Structures are given as C-alpha cells and as structure tokens.
Protein backbone atom coordinates (compact mmCIF):
# COMPACT_ATOMS: atom_id res chain seq x y z
CA MET A 1 12.21 -1.11 -1.45
CA GLU A 2 15.80 -0.14 -2.21
CA ASN A 3 17.92 1.76 0.32
CA LYS A 4 19.09 4.46 -2.11
CA VAL A 5 17.90 7.88 -0.95
CA VAL A 6 16.37 9.78 -3.88
CA LEU A 7 14.99 12.81 -2.03
CA GLU A 8 16.38 14.16 1.23
CA ILE A 9 14.42 16.91 2.97
CA ASP A 10 16.40 18.58 5.75
CA ASN A 11 14.47 20.79 8.21
CA ILE A 12 12.57 22.81 5.60
CA SER A 13 10.04 25.56 6.35
CA SER A 14 8.03 28.08 4.38
CA PHE A 15 7.05 31.24 6.27
CA ILE A 16 4.88 33.81 4.46
CA ASN A 17 2.99 36.82 5.88
CA LYS A 18 3.91 35.87 9.45
CA LYS A 19 2.45 32.41 8.98
CA TYR A 20 4.04 28.98 8.60
CA LEU A 21 2.82 27.04 5.57
CA VAL A 22 5.28 24.25 6.38
CA LYS A 23 7.35 24.05 9.55
CA ASP A 24 10.59 22.16 10.27
CA VAL A 25 9.98 19.13 8.03
CA THR A 26 12.65 16.45 7.73
CA LEU A 27 12.22 13.18 5.83
CA ASN A 28 13.83 10.94 3.22
CA LEU A 29 12.29 9.18 0.23
CA HIS A 30 13.99 6.08 -1.17
CA ALA A 31 14.07 4.53 -4.62
CA ASN A 32 10.80 2.71 -5.40
CA GLU A 33 9.22 3.94 -2.16
CA VAL A 34 5.58 5.02 -2.12
CA ALA A 35 5.04 7.43 0.77
CA VAL A 36 1.67 8.98 1.60
CA ILE A 37 1.17 12.16 3.63
CA ILE A 38 -1.95 11.75 5.76
CA GLY A 39 -3.67 14.82 7.19
CA GLU A 40 -6.85 16.80 7.37
CA ASN A 41 -7.48 19.74 5.04
CA GLY A 42 -5.27 22.60 6.22
CA SER A 43 -2.70 20.33 7.84
CA GLY A 44 0.02 21.46 5.43
CA LYS A 45 0.33 18.45 3.17
CA THR A 46 -0.39 20.31 -0.08
CA SER A 47 1.93 23.15 0.93
CA LEU A 48 4.69 20.62 1.59
CA CYS A 49 4.18 19.15 -1.89
CA LYS A 50 4.39 22.61 -3.44
CA LEU A 51 7.49 23.45 -1.43
CA ILE A 52 9.29 20.30 -2.58
CA ALA A 53 8.26 20.98 -6.19
CA GLY A 54 9.54 24.58 -6.03
CA ALA A 55 6.11 26.20 -6.21
CA LEU A 56 6.51 27.83 -2.76
CA PRO A 57 9.55 29.73 -1.45
CA LEU A 58 11.88 27.90 0.90
CA SER A 59 12.43 29.96 4.08
CA ASN A 60 15.00 27.65 5.61
CA GLY A 61 16.41 24.16 5.29
CA ASN A 62 17.61 22.22 2.25
CA ILE A 63 16.25 19.78 -0.29
CA PHE A 64 18.64 17.28 -1.90
CA LEU A 65 17.89 15.25 -5.02
CA GLU A 66 20.21 12.26 -5.25
CA GLY A 67 22.64 14.12 -3.01
CA LYS A 68 22.59 17.44 -4.89
CA ASN A 69 21.23 20.54 -3.19
CA LEU A 70 18.42 22.06 -5.27
CA LYS A 71 19.53 25.53 -4.19
CA GLN A 72 22.76 25.02 -6.15
CA HIS A 73 21.30 22.82 -8.90
CA ARG A 74 18.04 24.51 -9.83
CA ALA A 75 17.79 22.66 -13.16
CA LEU A 76 17.19 19.48 -11.19
CA GLN A 77 13.80 20.87 -10.14
CA SER A 78 12.50 19.48 -13.45
CA GLU A 79 13.19 16.00 -12.07
CA ILE A 80 10.30 16.48 -9.63
CA SER A 81 6.95 15.96 -11.36
CA ILE A 82 3.76 17.02 -9.57
CA ALA A 83 -0.01 16.78 -9.99
CA LEU A 84 -1.91 19.12 -7.67
CA HIS A 85 -5.56 19.08 -6.65
CA PRO A 86 -7.67 20.67 -7.93
CA PRO A 87 -5.96 20.53 -11.33
CA MET A 88 -5.59 23.80 -13.23
CA PHE A 89 -5.47 24.09 -17.01
CA PHE A 90 -6.12 26.53 -19.85
CA LYS A 91 -9.76 25.59 -20.28
CA PHE A 92 -10.16 26.93 -23.82
CA GLN A 93 -7.12 25.04 -25.10
CA THR A 94 -7.16 21.36 -26.06
CA VAL A 95 -5.92 18.55 -23.87
CA LEU A 96 -2.85 18.09 -26.06
CA LYS A 97 -2.05 21.83 -26.19
CA ASN A 98 -2.16 21.96 -22.39
CA ILE A 99 0.20 19.01 -22.11
CA GLN A 100 2.58 20.47 -24.69
CA TYR A 101 2.74 23.82 -22.93
CA LEU A 102 3.22 22.41 -19.43
CA LEU A 103 5.86 19.86 -20.39
CA LYS A 104 7.80 22.14 -22.72
CA LEU A 105 8.25 24.52 -19.78
CA LYS A 106 10.26 21.72 -18.16
CA GLY A 107 11.96 20.68 -21.38
CA LYS A 108 10.29 17.29 -20.97
CA TYR A 109 7.85 17.08 -23.88
CA VAL A 110 8.09 13.81 -25.85
CA LEU A 111 5.06 13.18 -28.05
CA GLY A 112 5.41 9.40 -28.04
CA LYS A 113 5.51 9.30 -24.26
CA VAL A 114 2.51 11.63 -24.03
CA VAL A 115 0.47 9.45 -26.41
CA GLU A 116 1.44 6.31 -24.49
CA THR A 117 0.29 7.85 -21.19
CA LEU A 118 -2.94 9.22 -22.66
CA LYS A 119 -3.78 5.74 -23.94
CA ALA A 120 -2.96 4.18 -20.57
CA PHE A 121 -5.53 6.46 -18.91
CA ASN A 122 -8.13 6.11 -21.70
CA MET A 123 -7.69 9.78 -22.62
CA TYR A 124 -6.34 9.42 -26.16
CA ASP A 125 -9.77 9.90 -27.76
CA VAL A 126 -10.26 13.28 -26.07
CA MET A 127 -6.79 14.73 -26.61
CA ASN A 128 -8.11 17.21 -29.19
CA ASN A 129 -11.07 18.25 -27.01
CA ARG A 130 -10.98 21.57 -25.20
CA VAL A 131 -10.48 21.21 -21.48
CA PHE A 132 -13.72 23.00 -20.55
CA SER A 133 -15.64 20.13 -22.17
CA LEU A 134 -14.05 17.48 -19.94
CA THR A 135 -15.69 15.94 -16.91
CA ASN A 136 -14.11 16.47 -13.49
CA SER A 137 -12.85 12.89 -13.64
CA GLU A 138 -11.21 13.51 -17.02
CA LYS A 139 -9.58 16.69 -15.76
CA LYS A 140 -8.20 14.74 -12.82
CA LYS A 141 -6.83 12.07 -15.14
CA LEU A 142 -5.31 14.78 -17.32
CA SER A 143 -3.37 16.09 -14.31
CA LEU A 144 -2.04 12.57 -13.70
CA VAL A 145 -1.10 12.21 -17.36
CA VAL A 146 0.86 15.49 -17.29
CA ALA A 147 2.83 14.29 -14.25
CA LEU A 148 3.43 10.75 -15.50
CA ALA A 149 4.22 11.51 -19.15
CA VAL A 150 7.78 12.44 -18.18
CA ASP A 151 10.72 10.57 -16.72
CA ALA A 152 11.44 12.01 -13.29
CA LYS A 153 13.20 11.12 -10.05
CA VAL A 154 10.28 12.09 -7.80
CA TYR A 155 6.55 12.03 -8.56
CA ILE A 156 4.14 13.94 -6.31
CA PHE A 157 0.37 13.42 -6.41
CA ASP A 158 -1.92 15.57 -4.27
CA GLU A 159 -5.13 13.65 -3.43
CA PRO A 160 -4.71 11.38 -6.49
CA PHE A 161 -7.92 9.41 -5.98
CA LEU A 162 -10.36 12.31 -5.75
CA GLU A 163 -12.79 12.30 -8.71
CA LEU A 164 -11.58 8.87 -9.89
CA ASN A 165 -13.74 5.75 -10.13
CA GLU A 166 -12.46 2.33 -9.06
CA GLU A 167 -11.24 1.38 -12.54
CA ASP A 168 -9.26 4.61 -12.91
CA ARG A 169 -7.76 4.18 -9.45
CA LYS A 170 -6.45 0.79 -10.54
CA LEU A 171 -5.06 2.31 -13.74
CA PHE A 172 -3.19 4.87 -11.66
CA THR A 173 -1.69 2.41 -9.18
CA SER A 174 -0.74 0.05 -12.02
CA TYR A 175 0.98 2.82 -13.96
CA LEU A 176 3.07 3.80 -10.93
CA LYS A 177 4.65 0.36 -11.10
CA THR A 178 6.00 1.05 -14.59
CA LYS A 179 8.27 3.72 -13.08
CA LYS A 180 11.55 2.44 -11.68
CA ASP A 181 14.33 3.88 -9.51
CA CYS A 182 12.22 6.86 -8.47
CA ALA A 183 10.22 7.86 -5.39
CA PHE A 184 6.53 8.67 -5.01
CA LEU A 185 4.90 11.09 -2.59
CA LEU A 186 1.09 11.11 -2.38
CA THR A 187 -1.38 12.83 -0.09
CA GLY A 188 -4.70 11.78 1.41
CA THR A 189 -6.92 12.15 4.45
CA SER A 190 -7.04 8.44 5.36
CA THR A 191 -4.80 5.39 5.00
CA ASN A 192 -7.71 3.30 3.69
CA ASP A 193 -7.02 3.90 0.00
CA PHE A 194 -3.30 3.28 0.20
CA ASP A 195 -2.69 -0.39 0.90
CA PHE A 196 0.08 -0.30 -1.72
CA ALA A 197 2.07 2.39 0.14
CA ASN A 198 5.25 1.59 2.04
CA THR A 199 5.23 4.59 4.36
CA PHE A 200 2.69 6.87 6.02
CA ILE A 201 3.68 10.42 6.97
CA TYR A 202 1.24 12.11 9.36
CA MET A 203 0.88 15.91 9.32
CA ASN A 204 -0.94 18.30 11.61
CA ASN A 205 -0.65 22.07 12.07
CA ARG A 206 1.91 22.32 9.24
CA GLU A 207 4.32 19.87 10.88
CA ILE A 208 5.06 16.17 10.56
CA THR A 209 3.87 14.43 13.71
CA ASN A 210 4.86 10.86 12.88
CA ILE A 211 6.36 8.69 10.16
CA GLU A 212 5.69 4.97 10.18
CA ALA A 213 5.74 1.95 7.91
CA ASN A 214 2.42 0.78 6.53
CA GLU A 215 1.43 -1.86 9.07
CA LYS A 216 0.63 -4.35 6.33
CA TRP A 217 4.08 -3.89 4.80
CA LYS A 218 5.77 -3.82 8.21
CA ASN A 219 4.34 -7.26 9.05
CA PHE A 220 4.82 -8.56 5.54
CA ASN A 221 8.15 -9.86 4.26
CA GLN A 222 8.48 -8.37 0.77
CA LYS A 223 11.38 -10.71 -0.02
CA ARG A 224 9.35 -13.85 0.64
CA TYR A 225 5.66 -14.33 -0.05
CA THR A 226 3.11 -16.55 -1.74
CA PHE A 227 1.08 -15.19 -4.63
CA LEU A 228 -2.13 -16.13 -6.42
CA VAL A 229 -3.17 -14.63 -9.75
CA THR A 230 -6.88 -14.06 -10.43
CA LYS A 231 -9.36 -11.78 -12.13
CA GLN A 232 -11.09 -11.40 -8.76
CA PRO A 233 -8.37 -10.01 -6.46
CA ASN A 234 -10.72 -8.07 -4.18
CA TYR A 235 -13.02 -11.05 -3.64
CA LEU A 236 -10.12 -13.48 -3.24
CA GLY A 237 -8.40 -11.17 -0.77
CA LYS A 238 -11.60 -10.87 1.25
CA LEU A 239 -12.03 -14.65 1.37
CA LEU A 240 -8.47 -15.25 2.56
CA LYS A 241 -8.68 -12.49 5.14
CA GLU A 242 -12.12 -13.27 6.55
CA GLU A 243 -12.25 -17.06 6.26
CA LYS A 244 -8.58 -17.97 6.63
CA GLY A 245 -7.41 -15.12 8.86
CA MET A 246 -4.50 -14.26 6.56
CA ASP A 247 -2.68 -11.00 6.04
CA VAL A 248 -3.35 -9.94 2.46
CA LEU A 249 -1.91 -7.42 0.03
CA LEU A 250 -3.35 -6.75 -3.42
CA ASP A 251 -0.95 -6.15 -6.31
CA ASN A 252 -3.08 -5.63 -9.44
CA GLN A 253 -4.36 -9.14 -10.20
CA LYS A 254 -2.06 -10.80 -7.72
CA VAL A 255 -3.09 -11.50 -4.16
CA LEU A 256 -0.06 -11.74 -1.88
CA ILE A 257 0.05 -13.58 1.45
CA PRO A 258 2.94 -14.39 3.82
CA LYS A 259 4.86 -17.35 2.41
CA ILE A 260 3.33 -20.77 3.06
CA SER A 261 4.38 -24.30 2.07
CA ASP A 262 3.33 -25.97 -1.18
CA ASP A 263 1.02 -28.27 0.81
CA ASP A 264 -0.66 -25.31 2.50
CA LEU A 265 -0.95 -23.56 -0.87
CA GLU A 266 -2.68 -26.62 -2.29
CA GLU A 267 -5.17 -26.53 0.57
CA ILE A 268 -5.87 -22.89 -0.23
CA LEU A 269 -6.39 -23.76 -3.90
CA LYS A 270 -8.81 -26.55 -2.98
CA PHE A 271 -10.72 -24.12 -0.78
CA LEU A 272 -10.90 -21.53 -3.58
CA LYS A 273 -12.15 -24.15 -6.00
CA THR A 274 -15.15 -24.75 -3.72
CA LYS A 275 -15.75 -20.98 -3.80
CA LYS A 276 -15.52 -21.00 -7.63
CA VAL A 277 -12.63 -18.52 -7.68
CA THR A 278 -10.61 -18.89 -10.88
CA ILE A 279 -6.84 -19.01 -10.35
CA TYR A 280 -4.49 -18.53 -13.29
CA SER A 281 -1.25 -19.27 -11.46
CA ALA A 282 0.18 -19.43 -7.96
CA GLY A 283 3.58 -19.72 -6.41
CA HIS A 284 6.15 -18.11 -4.17
CA LYS A 285 8.71 -15.32 -4.19
CA ASP A 286 12.12 -15.88 -2.64
CA LYS A 287 14.53 -12.96 -2.66
CA ASP A 288 14.09 -11.37 -6.11
CA GLU A 289 12.36 -14.11 -8.10
CA GLU A 290 8.76 -15.28 -8.33
CA LYS A 291 8.25 -18.93 -9.27
CA VAL A 292 5.00 -20.68 -10.16
CA VAL A 293 4.45 -24.03 -8.44
CA ASP A 294 4.05 -26.16 -11.57
CA LYS A 295 2.97 -29.28 -9.68
CA LEU A 296 -0.21 -27.44 -8.68
CA SER A 297 -1.05 -26.44 -12.26
CA SER A 298 -4.11 -28.70 -12.28
CA TYR A 299 -5.78 -25.99 -10.17
CA PHE A 300 -4.95 -23.24 -12.68
CA LYS A 301 -7.12 -22.04 -15.55
CA THR A 302 -5.10 -22.73 -18.70
CA GLU A 303 -6.14 -19.71 -20.79
CA SER A 304 -4.23 -16.47 -20.33
CA LEU A 305 -5.47 -13.86 -17.85
C-alpha cells in the first residue's frame, strides 16, 4: 500500500432534524488501500458513505481529495464513485440507458469503458433488457458496473457482496485490482468476507470506534512473501492453514504465505503433490518483483492456467 493520501476526512458530521447521521468522523484513505467499514445496520456506515459522496449535507468538518477541499472544488466530487445498497434504477429503462443517464450526470460516460465493464461482470448480454426484468443479483452487479465503469480517485461500495454468488464475488474483487492509484471504501457487517482488505474501520452509534489493520495483513509482510498459483486456491489455502499451520492470504488464483526458503517451498510442493493439488507456478516476492523458482518447475503443470 502506498503512503499517498487520496482522501482525507477531517472531523465530519451530518446533523439533520436534531439527529446525528454521522458524528465527528476522521480518517484517511491511501492510494491502493482497501478499507472496510464494519458495523451493524443503523451504525452509520451507509450515511458516512453518502456523506463522503456528497449525497448528504455536511454539517461540519472538511473532506479533502488529494489535498483539495471539496467545499472549494465541488467538481472533484465526480472523482468519488459510489454503489449504494439497495441499488436504485429507472426500472422501465434498459440497463444501458440507466448507465448512460447516471454516468452522463457526472460527465463520465465512455461507451467503450461501459462495454468492457459489462463484459467483465457477465452483463453484456442483458444490457438492452429493462431493469425490472433483472434478478436481484443482476441489479446488484449493475450497481457495481455503474461505479466501476469510470475512472475515479475513490470508489465506495455499500455492502458489495449482498445478492452476489461466490463467482460474482470473485469477479468483483478481481476487478478492483485493475484500478490503480485510487482508494476503496467498502461496508459490511463482518470482517469474514474481506480477507483482501488492508484496513477495518469499526462504527457504532454513528461514530468510528476503532480503526485497525487487517490482522492477516498486519502479520504479513507484503514486500516479501512466497506464492503458489493454482486453480484450487480455497482448497490449497485450507490445506496450508490446517495441516501446515501457515498464515494464508488468497489473491485470485495465487495463495500467498510468509516467505520461506526454496527448500521449504519444495517440501510444500511435495506435500501438495500427495494431495493431488495442481500447481502452475510458485516463487517469491522481494520488494516489488515476483519471481518463479525455475529449479522447482518439475512440480508445475506445464499448460497455462
């Protein structure tokens, strides 16, 4: 995670009808950081998302995007892209018409980018369907497409995994990684679905109660690790965790573990061979570069993943 601050939130509140929707929130989001607000329904996490995105009035405090105060630079609000839950659309208009309308409001509509994102979420074939005919899962994916089909500095996703199956969840997390030099803010009720997050932000009673690094990332050196590439990341991760006692992070089809020696990696590969787990490559990351250990290639399946 880079140190550059993309979004700075300085003591913001929203007070409407003698009631706080958000109270005295301060936090920073950095480039390439994935932060998740964790809280029960009514804790204020959705209101905080709306406040950052400009959908709720700011009663006090300031929000800075790359050092510029949004109060003085209102046009920069278009650099914050948001997908709320539940999603809301014009149900008698087509998928594409909804996208066109919503993105043209921000001056961000680019047909090629929209088509690319629709295809990534397996929504291209329904883009001319009216929204009322979509399933709840498709409507959820449409909300993600609208948010991701633009280049932005900050992406906000309220309960992104609700209504999504496991395959679509993987599509979403994979697509986030195509976005660079931006920050991500997600919400959820539990940390369980967010192994890939860097930071957890806990909210209760409209206030932030704690901010902490994801324990797995805190204990895991992102500059140095060992990786294994497989079509069975969940199974492989479970084996290494339960039978070898290793800390594990899943990164699409890579399973990451704290860096080990080549000899120890070979022992792992021998073990996985007995478990009939197919490995396509394995190696280490030092600083900014991943390198496959070629001398262990006899353990790798030669065809492409």
